[in-house]
Amino acid sequence: DDRVIEAGGGEAVISEAASGDELARVKLPAGVTSESIVASCGDAGRELFAARQDGTLGRVVEAQGGPKLAWSVAVGTVVGIDACTGDSVLVTASTEAGTTLYALARATGAITGRIDGVRGYWPARDGSDRLEVSTSAGVFAHSRTLADAAPVALPVLGELLAKHGERRLVRATPSTGALLDR
């Protein structure tokens, strides 16, 4: 959202989107290309996430001797990522089960939770770090690890269209939206 990743001779150049100022240059480890980078985290943008053509998501971190691939996990085709908040990385992927939401442990890449058939998800409207996830069974509140679920009194909804404060605009049908507040 706030950064642009540019290709540069075996490295990724991370710049601030608003100003264009360069934050970092990261030499990429073998098997990772700048075109595969889908997220840049940390103050200097040096923690990178790469969605590779083999359906794996990898985390590139600083290490002795230069950046290295810390872990790689099979998730399918990555269509969205929330990588820079807390200890969990949330990945939306297209899989054989449809749209799947994964929660991965940032440090290890271990899958801490998985929800298949996700229609949409958004930050909880109560200001907590929880998520509201919509599936064909309804909307449920989850922690960022996706390890728990509590039903939310909402009908089945679709993807997040916009958010502002505690309000969420989500798809209700293919041609209508629903505005949710706290």
N, C-alpha and C. Protein backbone atom coordinates (compact mmCIF):
# COMPACT_ATOMS: atom_id res chain seq x y z
N ASP A 1 0.81 -1.20 0.00
CA ASP A 1 0.00 0.00 0.00
C ASP A 1 0.86 1.27 0.00
N ASP A 2 1.92 1.25 0.80
CA ASP A 2 2.73 2.46 0.96
C ASP A 2 4.06 2.39 0.24
N ARG A 3 4.32 1.27 -0.44
CA ARG A 3 5.63 1.07 -1.06
C ARG A 3 5.51 0.58 -2.49
N VAL A 4 6.56 0.86 -3.25
CA VAL A 4 6.68 0.38 -4.62
C VAL A 4 7.95 -0.45 -4.69
N ILE A 5 7.86 -1.63 -5.30
CA ILE A 5 9.03 -2.48 -5.47
C ILE A 5 9.40 -2.46 -6.95
N GLU A 6 10.66 -2.11 -7.22
CA GLU A 6 11.14 -2.03 -8.59
C GLU A 6 12.25 -3.07 -8.80
N ALA A 7 12.34 -3.56 -10.02
CA ALA A 7 13.38 -4.52 -10.35
C ALA A 7 14.69 -3.80 -10.63
N GLY A 8 15.77 -4.41 -10.19
CA GLY A 8 17.07 -3.86 -10.45
C GLY A 8 18.11 -4.97 -10.40
N GLY A 9 18.69 -5.34 -11.49
CA GLY A 9 19.78 -6.30 -11.60
C GLY A 9 19.99 -7.26 -10.43
N GLY A 10 19.10 -8.22 -10.21
CA GLY A 10 19.26 -9.19 -9.14
C GLY A 10 18.88 -8.68 -7.77
N GLU A 11 18.25 -7.51 -7.72
CA GLU A 11 17.84 -6.95 -6.45
C GLU A 11 16.48 -6.30 -6.59
N ALA A 12 15.85 -6.07 -5.44
CA ALA A 12 14.59 -5.33 -5.40
C ALA A 12 14.89 -3.97 -4.80
N VAL A 13 14.36 -2.94 -5.42
CA VAL A 13 14.52 -1.57 -4.92
C VAL A 13 13.18 -1.18 -4.31
N ILE A 14 13.18 -0.88 -3.01
CA ILE A 14 11.97 -0.54 -2.29
C ILE A 14 11.92 0.97 -2.11
N SER A 15 10.82 1.59 -2.56
CA SER A 15 10.65 3.04 -2.47
C SER A 15 9.33 3.37 -1.81
N GLU A 16 9.27 4.56 -1.19
CA GLU A 16 8.02 5.09 -0.64
C GLU A 16 7.11 5.45 -1.81
N ALA A 17 5.86 5.00 -1.77
CA ALA A 17 4.94 5.28 -2.86
C ALA A 17 4.62 6.77 -2.97
N ALA A 18 4.43 7.44 -1.83
CA ALA A 18 4.01 8.84 -1.86
C ALA A 18 5.12 9.77 -2.36
N SER A 19 6.35 9.55 -1.92
CA SER A 19 7.43 10.48 -2.24
C SER A 19 8.38 9.98 -3.34
N GLY A 20 8.43 8.66 -3.51
CA GLY A 20 9.38 8.09 -4.46
C GLY A 20 10.77 7.90 -3.87
N ASP A 21 10.93 8.27 -2.59
CA ASP A 21 12.23 8.13 -1.93
C ASP A 21 12.59 6.66 -1.78
N GLU A 22 13.84 6.33 -2.09
CA GLU A 22 14.31 4.95 -1.96
C GLU A 22 14.53 4.63 -0.49
N LEU A 23 13.97 3.48 -0.06
CA LEU A 23 14.15 3.01 1.31
C LEU A 23 15.29 2.00 1.43
N ALA A 24 15.33 1.08 0.44
CA ALA A 24 16.33 0.00 0.53
C ALA A 24 16.53 -0.64 -0.83
N ARG A 25 17.68 -1.30 -0.92
CA ARG A 25 17.98 -2.20 -2.04
C ARG A 25 18.29 -3.54 -1.42
N VAL A 26 17.58 -4.56 -1.87
CA VAL A 26 17.76 -5.89 -1.28
C VAL A 26 18.21 -6.85 -2.38
N LYS A 27 19.41 -7.42 -2.20
CA LYS A 27 19.89 -8.45 -3.12
C LYS A 27 19.05 -9.69 -2.87
N LEU A 28 18.46 -10.24 -3.92
CA LEU A 28 17.52 -11.34 -3.76
C LEU A 28 18.23 -12.69 -3.78
N PRO A 29 17.80 -13.61 -2.90
CA PRO A 29 18.39 -14.94 -2.89
C PRO A 29 17.96 -15.74 -4.13
N ALA A 30 18.66 -16.81 -4.42
CA ALA A 30 18.35 -17.67 -5.57
C ALA A 30 16.89 -18.12 -5.50
N GLY A 31 16.22 -18.12 -6.64
CA GLY A 31 14.84 -18.57 -6.72
C GLY A 31 13.81 -17.50 -6.45
N VAL A 32 14.25 -16.28 -6.11
CA VAL A 32 13.33 -15.17 -5.85
C VAL A 32 13.63 -14.07 -6.85
N THR A 33 12.60 -13.62 -7.56
CA THR A 33 12.76 -12.52 -8.51
C THR A 33 12.02 -11.29 -7.99
N SER A 34 12.42 -10.13 -8.43
CA SER A 34 11.75 -8.90 -7.99
C SER A 34 10.29 -8.87 -8.45
N GLU A 35 9.97 -9.53 -9.55
CA GLU A 35 8.59 -9.58 -10.03
C GLU A 35 7.70 -10.40 -9.12
N SER A 36 8.27 -11.28 -8.30
CA SER A 36 7.48 -12.13 -7.41
C SER A 36 7.21 -11.48 -6.06
N ILE A 37 7.81 -10.33 -5.76
CA ILE A 37 7.65 -9.68 -4.47
C ILE A 37 6.23 -9.10 -4.36
N VAL A 38 5.51 -9.50 -3.30
CA VAL A 38 4.13 -9.03 -3.10
C VAL A 38 3.97 -8.19 -1.84
N ALA A 39 5.00 -8.12 -0.98
CA ALA A 39 4.92 -7.28 0.21
C ALA A 39 6.32 -6.94 0.70
N SER A 40 6.43 -5.75 1.28
CA SER A 40 7.67 -5.25 1.87
C SER A 40 7.31 -4.71 3.24
N CYS A 41 7.96 -5.24 4.29
CA CYS A 41 7.60 -4.86 5.67
C CYS A 41 8.81 -4.31 6.41
N GLY A 42 8.54 -3.71 7.56
CA GLY A 42 9.59 -3.14 8.40
C GLY A 42 9.86 -1.70 8.00
N ASP A 43 10.52 -0.98 8.89
CA ASP A 43 10.79 0.44 8.64
C ASP A 43 11.57 0.66 7.35
N ALA A 44 12.56 -0.18 7.11
CA ALA A 44 13.37 -0.02 5.91
C ALA A 44 12.85 -0.86 4.74
N GLY A 45 11.79 -1.64 4.96
CA GLY A 45 11.21 -2.42 3.87
C GLY A 45 12.03 -3.62 3.46
N ARG A 46 12.92 -4.11 4.33
CA ARG A 46 13.84 -5.17 3.94
C ARG A 46 13.29 -6.58 4.20
N GLU A 47 12.16 -6.71 4.88
CA GLU A 47 11.51 -8.01 5.02
C GLU A 47 10.56 -8.14 3.84
N LEU A 48 10.82 -9.11 2.97
CA LEU A 48 10.06 -9.25 1.74
C LEU A 48 9.29 -10.56 1.70
N PHE A 49 8.17 -10.56 0.99
CA PHE A 49 7.39 -11.77 0.76
C PHE A 49 7.25 -11.95 -0.74
N ALA A 50 7.52 -13.16 -1.20
CA ALA A 50 7.51 -13.45 -2.64
C ALA A 50 6.52 -14.56 -2.95
N ALA A 51 5.60 -14.30 -3.87
CA ALA A 51 4.66 -15.30 -4.37
C ALA A 51 5.28 -15.88 -5.64
N ARG A 52 5.74 -17.11 -5.53
CA ARG A 52 6.47 -17.71 -6.64
C ARG A 52 5.56 -18.52 -7.55
N GLN A 53 6.00 -18.76 -8.78
CA GLN A 53 5.18 -19.42 -9.79
C GLN A 53 4.82 -20.85 -9.42
N ASP A 54 5.56 -21.46 -8.51
CA ASP A 54 5.25 -22.84 -8.11
C ASP A 54 4.15 -22.92 -7.05
N GLY A 55 3.50 -21.78 -6.74
CA GLY A 55 2.41 -21.76 -5.78
C GLY A 55 2.86 -21.65 -4.33
N THR A 56 4.13 -21.29 -4.13
CA THR A 56 4.62 -21.11 -2.76
C THR A 56 4.78 -19.63 -2.45
N LEU A 57 4.66 -19.32 -1.17
CA LEU A 57 4.94 -17.99 -0.66
C LEU A 57 6.20 -18.10 0.17
N GLY A 58 7.16 -17.22 -0.08
CA GLY A 58 8.41 -17.24 0.67
C GLY A 58 8.65 -15.94 1.39
N ARG A 59 9.38 -16.02 2.50
CA ARG A 59 9.75 -14.84 3.28
C ARG A 59 11.25 -14.64 3.17
N VAL A 60 11.67 -13.46 2.72
CA VAL A 60 13.08 -13.10 2.59
C VAL A 60 13.44 -12.19 3.75
N VAL A 61 14.50 -12.56 4.48
CA VAL A 61 14.93 -11.79 5.65
C VAL A 61 16.43 -11.51 5.58
N GLU A 62 16.86 -10.51 6.37
CA GLU A 62 18.28 -10.23 6.50
C GLU A 62 18.94 -11.38 7.26
N ALA A 63 20.12 -11.77 6.82
CA ALA A 63 20.86 -12.83 7.49
C ALA A 63 22.35 -12.55 7.33
N GLN A 64 23.14 -13.27 8.10
CA GLN A 64 24.59 -13.12 7.96
C GLN A 64 24.98 -13.52 6.55
N GLY A 65 25.70 -12.69 5.87
CA GLY A 65 26.09 -12.95 4.49
C GLY A 65 25.11 -12.41 3.47
N GLY A 66 24.01 -11.81 3.93
CA GLY A 66 23.04 -11.22 3.01
C GLY A 66 21.67 -11.83 3.15
N PRO A 67 20.69 -11.28 2.44
CA PRO A 67 19.31 -11.76 2.53
C PRO A 67 19.21 -13.24 2.17
N LYS A 68 18.27 -13.94 2.85
CA LYS A 68 18.05 -15.36 2.56
C LYS A 68 16.57 -15.65 2.65
N LEU A 69 16.19 -16.75 2.04
CA LEU A 69 14.82 -17.23 2.11
C LEU A 69 14.65 -17.94 3.45
N ALA A 70 13.88 -17.35 4.37
CA ALA A 70 13.71 -17.91 5.71
C ALA A 70 12.78 -19.12 5.70
N TRP A 71 11.72 -19.05 4.90
CA TRP A 71 10.80 -20.17 4.77
C TRP A 71 10.02 -20.04 3.47
N SER A 72 9.42 -21.14 3.08
CA SER A 72 8.59 -21.19 1.90
C SER A 72 7.45 -22.18 2.18
N VAL A 73 6.23 -21.81 1.85
CA VAL A 73 5.09 -22.68 2.13
C VAL A 73 4.14 -22.67 0.93
N ALA A 74 3.59 -23.84 0.60
CA ALA A 74 2.65 -23.97 -0.51
C ALA A 74 1.30 -23.43 -0.10
N VAL A 75 0.80 -22.44 -0.86
CA VAL A 75 -0.51 -21.84 -0.57
C VAL A 75 -1.40 -21.74 -1.80
N GLY A 76 -0.90 -22.01 -2.98
CA GLY A 76 -1.68 -21.80 -4.19
C GLY A 76 -1.33 -20.45 -4.79
N THR A 77 -2.20 -19.94 -5.63
CA THR A 77 -1.96 -18.66 -6.29
C THR A 77 -2.36 -17.52 -5.36
N VAL A 78 -1.39 -16.74 -4.94
CA VAL A 78 -1.64 -15.64 -4.01
C VAL A 78 -2.40 -14.53 -4.74
N VAL A 79 -3.56 -14.14 -4.16
CA VAL A 79 -4.33 -13.03 -4.73
C VAL A 79 -4.39 -11.84 -3.79
N GLY A 80 -3.95 -12.02 -2.53
CA GLY A 80 -3.90 -10.92 -1.58
C GLY A 80 -3.06 -11.31 -0.38
N ILE A 81 -2.47 -10.30 0.26
CA ILE A 81 -1.62 -10.57 1.42
C ILE A 81 -1.69 -9.39 2.38
N ASP A 82 -1.74 -9.72 3.66
CA ASP A 82 -1.64 -8.75 4.75
C ASP A 82 -0.46 -9.24 5.57
N ALA A 83 0.73 -8.74 5.24
CA ALA A 83 1.96 -9.34 5.75
C ALA A 83 2.64 -8.55 6.86
N CYS A 84 2.27 -7.33 7.07
CA CYS A 84 3.09 -6.46 7.92
C CYS A 84 2.50 -6.15 9.28
N THR A 85 1.51 -6.89 9.72
CA THR A 85 0.87 -6.62 11.00
C THR A 85 1.02 -7.81 11.94
N GLY A 86 1.67 -7.63 13.05
CA GLY A 86 1.74 -8.66 14.09
C GLY A 86 2.54 -9.89 13.71
N ASP A 87 2.25 -10.98 14.42
CA ASP A 87 2.99 -12.22 14.25
C ASP A 87 2.39 -13.15 13.21
N SER A 88 1.24 -12.78 12.64
CA SER A 88 0.58 -13.60 11.63
C SER A 88 0.57 -12.90 10.28
N VAL A 89 0.83 -13.67 9.24
CA VAL A 89 0.73 -13.19 7.87
C VAL A 89 -0.55 -13.79 7.30
N LEU A 90 -1.46 -12.95 6.81
CA LEU A 90 -2.70 -13.42 6.22
C LEU A 90 -2.56 -13.45 4.71
N VAL A 91 -2.90 -14.59 4.13
CA VAL A 91 -2.77 -14.78 2.69
C VAL A 91 -4.09 -15.25 2.11
N THR A 92 -4.58 -14.54 1.11
CA THR A 92 -5.74 -14.97 0.36
C THR A 92 -5.21 -15.64 -0.91
N ALA A 93 -5.65 -16.87 -1.15
CA ALA A 93 -5.12 -17.62 -2.28
C ALA A 93 -6.24 -18.33 -3.03
N SER A 94 -6.03 -18.50 -4.32
CA SER A 94 -6.91 -19.30 -5.15
C SER A 94 -6.39 -20.73 -5.09
N THR A 95 -7.23 -21.64 -4.59
CA THR A 95 -6.83 -23.04 -4.43
C THR A 95 -7.88 -23.95 -5.05
N GLU A 96 -7.64 -25.24 -4.97
CA GLU A 96 -8.63 -26.21 -5.48
C GLU A 96 -9.94 -26.11 -4.71
N ALA A 97 -9.92 -25.55 -3.50
CA ALA A 97 -11.11 -25.39 -2.66
C ALA A 97 -11.79 -24.04 -2.90
N GLY A 98 -11.36 -23.28 -3.90
CA GLY A 98 -11.91 -21.94 -4.15
C GLY A 98 -10.99 -20.91 -3.54
N THR A 99 -11.55 -19.90 -2.90
CA THR A 99 -10.74 -18.88 -2.24
C THR A 99 -10.46 -19.33 -0.81
N THR A 100 -9.19 -19.38 -0.46
CA THR A 100 -8.77 -19.84 0.86
C THR A 100 -8.03 -18.72 1.57
N LEU A 101 -8.32 -18.56 2.85
CA LEU A 101 -7.61 -17.60 3.69
C LEU A 101 -6.71 -18.40 4.62
N TYR A 102 -5.41 -18.10 4.57
CA TYR A 102 -4.42 -18.76 5.42
C TYR A 102 -3.90 -17.75 6.44
N ALA A 103 -3.57 -18.26 7.63
CA ALA A 103 -2.80 -17.50 8.61
C ALA A 103 -1.49 -18.25 8.77
N LEU A 104 -0.38 -17.55 8.56
CA LEU A 104 0.95 -18.15 8.67
C LEU A 104 1.71 -17.49 9.81
N ALA A 105 2.45 -18.28 10.56
CA ALA A 105 3.31 -17.72 11.60
C ALA A 105 4.45 -16.99 10.91
N ARG A 106 4.62 -15.71 11.22
CA ARG A 106 5.65 -14.90 10.56
C ARG A 106 7.04 -15.52 10.71
N ALA A 107 7.37 -16.01 11.89
CA ALA A 107 8.72 -16.50 12.14
C ALA A 107 9.04 -17.80 11.41
N THR A 108 8.04 -18.70 11.29
CA THR A 108 8.33 -20.04 10.77
C THR A 108 7.63 -20.39 9.47
N GLY A 109 6.55 -19.66 9.13
CA GLY A 109 5.76 -20.00 7.96
C GLY A 109 4.75 -21.10 8.22
N ALA A 110 4.69 -21.61 9.45
CA ALA A 110 3.73 -22.67 9.78
C ALA A 110 2.31 -22.13 9.59
N ILE A 111 1.44 -22.97 9.04
CA ILE A 111 0.04 -22.60 8.86
C ILE A 111 -0.65 -22.75 10.21
N THR A 112 -1.12 -21.62 10.76
CA THR A 112 -1.80 -21.64 12.06
C THR A 112 -3.31 -21.72 11.90
N GLY A 113 -3.79 -21.43 10.71
CA GLY A 113 -5.22 -21.51 10.43
C GLY A 113 -5.48 -21.45 8.95
N ARG A 114 -6.62 -22.03 8.56
CA ARG A 114 -7.01 -22.06 7.14
C ARG A 114 -8.53 -22.09 7.09
N ILE A 115 -9.09 -21.23 6.24
CA ILE A 115 -10.52 -21.22 6.01
C ILE A 115 -10.75 -21.31 4.51
N ASP A 116 -11.42 -22.36 4.07
CA ASP A 116 -11.74 -22.54 2.66
C ASP A 116 -13.09 -21.90 2.34
N GLY A 117 -13.31 -21.56 1.08
CA GLY A 117 -14.59 -21.00 0.65
C GLY A 117 -14.87 -19.62 1.19
N VAL A 118 -13.83 -18.82 1.35
CA VAL A 118 -13.99 -17.46 1.88
C VAL A 118 -14.60 -16.57 0.80
N ARG A 119 -15.64 -15.86 1.17
CA ARG A 119 -16.27 -14.90 0.26
C ARG A 119 -15.67 -13.51 0.44
N GLY A 120 -15.19 -13.23 1.65
CA GLY A 120 -14.57 -11.95 1.94
C GLY A 120 -14.17 -11.89 3.40
N TYR A 121 -13.30 -10.94 3.72
CA TYR A 121 -12.95 -10.69 5.12
C TYR A 121 -12.52 -9.25 5.27
N TRP A 122 -12.61 -8.75 6.49
CA TRP A 122 -12.28 -7.36 6.76
C TRP A 122 -11.89 -7.23 8.22
N PRO A 123 -11.19 -6.14 8.56
CA PRO A 123 -10.85 -5.90 9.97
C PRO A 123 -12.14 -5.76 10.80
N ALA A 124 -12.15 -6.32 11.99
CA ALA A 124 -13.32 -6.23 12.86
C ALA A 124 -13.70 -4.77 13.08
N ARG A 125 -14.98 -4.51 13.15
CA ARG A 125 -15.48 -3.14 13.29
C ARG A 125 -15.34 -2.60 14.69
N ASP A 126 -14.98 -3.44 15.65
CA ASP A 126 -14.87 -2.99 17.04
C ASP A 126 -13.50 -2.41 17.38
N GLY A 127 -12.62 -2.31 16.41
CA GLY A 127 -11.31 -1.72 16.64
C GLY A 127 -10.27 -2.70 17.16
N SER A 128 -10.66 -3.94 17.41
CA SER A 128 -9.70 -4.96 17.87
C SER A 128 -8.87 -5.44 16.68
N ASP A 129 -7.92 -6.32 16.95
CA ASP A 129 -7.09 -6.86 15.85
C ASP A 129 -7.71 -8.11 15.24
N ARG A 130 -8.97 -8.38 15.55
CA ARG A 130 -9.66 -9.55 15.00
C ARG A 130 -10.12 -9.28 13.56
N LEU A 131 -10.57 -10.34 12.91
CA LEU A 131 -11.10 -10.27 11.54
C LEU A 131 -12.53 -10.77 11.54
N GLU A 132 -13.32 -10.26 10.61
CA GLU A 132 -14.63 -10.82 10.34
C GLU A 132 -14.53 -11.49 8.99
N VAL A 133 -14.83 -12.79 8.96
CA VAL A 133 -14.65 -13.60 7.76
C VAL A 133 -16.00 -14.14 7.32
N SER A 134 -16.35 -13.92 6.05
CA SER A 134 -17.62 -14.38 5.51
C SER A 134 -17.41 -15.62 4.65
N THR A 135 -18.18 -16.66 4.95
CA THR A 135 -18.21 -17.88 4.15
C THR A 135 -19.67 -18.21 3.86
N SER A 136 -19.95 -19.28 3.17
CA SER A 136 -21.35 -19.66 2.90
C SER A 136 -22.09 -20.03 4.18
N ALA A 137 -21.37 -20.29 5.28
CA ALA A 137 -22.00 -20.62 6.56
C ALA A 137 -22.32 -19.37 7.39
N GLY A 138 -21.89 -18.18 6.95
CA GLY A 138 -22.14 -16.95 7.67
C GLY A 138 -20.87 -16.18 7.93
N VAL A 139 -20.95 -15.18 8.80
CA VAL A 139 -19.81 -14.33 9.14
C VAL A 139 -19.36 -14.70 10.55
N PHE A 140 -18.04 -14.87 10.70
CA PHE A 140 -17.46 -15.25 11.98
C PHE A 140 -16.29 -14.34 12.31
N ALA A 141 -16.13 -14.03 13.59
CA ALA A 141 -14.99 -13.24 14.06
C ALA A 141 -13.87 -14.22 14.41
N HIS A 142 -12.67 -13.90 13.94
CA HIS A 142 -11.49 -14.75 14.16
C HIS A 142 -10.32 -13.90 14.65
N SER A 143 -9.42 -14.52 15.40
CA SER A 143 -8.15 -13.88 15.69
C SER A 143 -7.32 -13.92 14.40
N ARG A 144 -6.20 -13.22 14.37
CA ARG A 144 -5.35 -13.22 13.17
C ARG A 144 -4.69 -14.57 12.91
N THR A 145 -4.73 -15.48 13.89
CA THR A 145 -4.19 -16.83 13.66
C THR A 145 -5.25 -17.75 13.07
N LEU A 146 -6.49 -17.29 13.01
CA LEU A 146 -7.65 -18.04 12.52
C LEU A 146 -7.92 -19.28 13.37
N ALA A 147 -7.39 -19.31 14.60
CA ALA A 147 -7.51 -20.48 15.46
C ALA A 147 -8.86 -20.56 16.17
N ASP A 148 -9.61 -19.49 16.22
CA ASP A 148 -10.89 -19.50 16.91
C ASP A 148 -11.94 -18.83 16.05
N ALA A 149 -13.21 -19.05 16.39
CA ALA A 149 -14.29 -18.44 15.63
C ALA A 149 -15.48 -18.18 16.53
N ALA A 150 -16.09 -17.01 16.34
CA ALA A 150 -17.32 -16.67 17.05
C ALA A 150 -18.29 -16.09 16.02
N PRO A 151 -19.53 -16.57 16.00
CA PRO A 151 -20.48 -16.07 15.00
C PRO A 151 -20.78 -14.58 15.19
N VAL A 152 -20.97 -13.90 14.06
CA VAL A 152 -21.33 -12.49 14.05
C VAL A 152 -22.72 -12.40 13.43
N ALA A 153 -23.60 -11.61 14.01
CA ALA A 153 -24.99 -11.51 13.55
C ALA A 153 -25.07 -10.70 12.26
N LEU A 154 -24.58 -11.31 11.18
CA LEU A 154 -24.66 -10.69 9.85
C LEU A 154 -25.03 -11.77 8.84
N PRO A 155 -25.68 -11.39 7.74
CA PRO A 155 -25.93 -12.37 6.68
C PRO A 155 -24.63 -12.70 5.94
N VAL A 156 -24.68 -13.69 5.10
CA VAL A 156 -23.53 -14.02 4.26
C VAL A 156 -23.24 -12.82 3.37
N LEU A 157 -21.98 -12.38 3.36
CA LEU A 157 -21.58 -11.21 2.58
C LEU A 157 -20.39 -11.57 1.70
N GLY A 158 -19.94 -10.61 0.91
CA GLY A 158 -18.81 -10.82 0.02
C GLY A 158 -17.59 -10.05 0.47
N GLU A 159 -16.80 -9.63 -0.50
CA GLU A 159 -15.51 -9.01 -0.20
C GLU A 159 -15.64 -7.57 0.29
N LEU A 160 -14.59 -7.14 0.96
CA LEU A 160 -14.49 -5.76 1.42
C LEU A 160 -14.30 -4.85 0.21
N LEU A 161 -15.11 -3.79 0.13
CA LEU A 161 -14.97 -2.81 -0.94
C LEU A 161 -14.23 -1.56 -0.47
N ALA A 162 -14.49 -1.17 0.79
CA ALA A 162 -13.84 0.02 1.36
C ALA A 162 -14.00 -0.01 2.87
N LYS A 163 -13.12 0.72 3.56
CA LYS A 163 -13.24 0.84 5.01
C LYS A 163 -12.86 2.25 5.42
N HIS A 164 -13.50 2.71 6.48
CA HIS A 164 -13.18 4.01 7.05
C HIS A 164 -13.59 3.97 8.51
N GLY A 165 -12.63 4.11 9.41
CA GLY A 165 -12.94 4.03 10.83
C GLY A 165 -13.56 2.69 11.16
N GLU A 166 -14.72 2.73 11.83
CA GLU A 166 -15.40 1.49 12.19
C GLU A 166 -16.36 1.02 11.09
N ARG A 167 -16.47 1.75 10.01
CA ARG A 167 -17.40 1.39 8.93
C ARG A 167 -16.71 0.50 7.89
N ARG A 168 -17.49 -0.46 7.37
CA ARG A 168 -17.01 -1.35 6.32
C ARG A 168 -18.06 -1.39 5.22
N LEU A 169 -17.64 -1.18 3.99
CA LEU A 169 -18.52 -1.34 2.84
C LEU A 169 -18.15 -2.69 2.22
N VAL A 170 -19.09 -3.62 2.24
CA VAL A 170 -18.83 -4.97 1.72
C VAL A 170 -19.86 -5.31 0.66
N ARG A 171 -19.48 -6.21 -0.22
CA ARG A 171 -20.39 -6.64 -1.28
C ARG A 171 -21.49 -7.51 -0.65
N ALA A 172 -22.75 -7.19 -0.98
CA ALA A 172 -23.89 -7.99 -0.51
C ALA A 172 -24.37 -8.92 -1.61
N THR A 173 -24.46 -8.41 -2.83
CA THR A 173 -24.81 -9.20 -4.02
C THR A 173 -23.89 -8.70 -5.14
N PRO A 174 -23.92 -9.31 -6.30
CA PRO A 174 -23.04 -8.83 -7.36
C PRO A 174 -23.22 -7.36 -7.70
N SER A 175 -24.39 -6.78 -7.44
CA SER A 175 -24.59 -5.37 -7.81
C SER A 175 -24.97 -4.46 -6.64
N THR A 176 -24.84 -4.95 -5.39
CA THR A 176 -25.14 -4.09 -4.25
C THR A 176 -24.08 -4.24 -3.17
N GLY A 177 -23.96 -3.18 -2.37
CA GLY A 177 -23.05 -3.20 -1.24
C GLY A 177 -23.84 -3.00 0.03
N ALA A 178 -23.22 -3.34 1.16
CA ALA A 178 -23.83 -3.13 2.47
C ALA A 178 -22.85 -2.33 3.31
N LEU A 179 -23.32 -1.29 3.96
CA LEU A 179 -22.48 -0.48 4.84
C LEU A 179 -22.69 -0.98 6.26
N LEU A 180 -21.61 -1.45 6.89
CA LEU A 180 -21.68 -1.98 8.24
C LEU A 180 -20.98 -0.99 9.18
N ASP A 181 -21.61 -0.77 10.33
CA ASP A 181 -20.93 0.01 11.36
C ASP A 181 -20.83 -0.88 12.60
N ARG A 182 -20.32 -0.31 13.67
CA ARG A 182 -20.12 -1.11 14.88
C ARG A 182 -21.43 -1.70 15.37
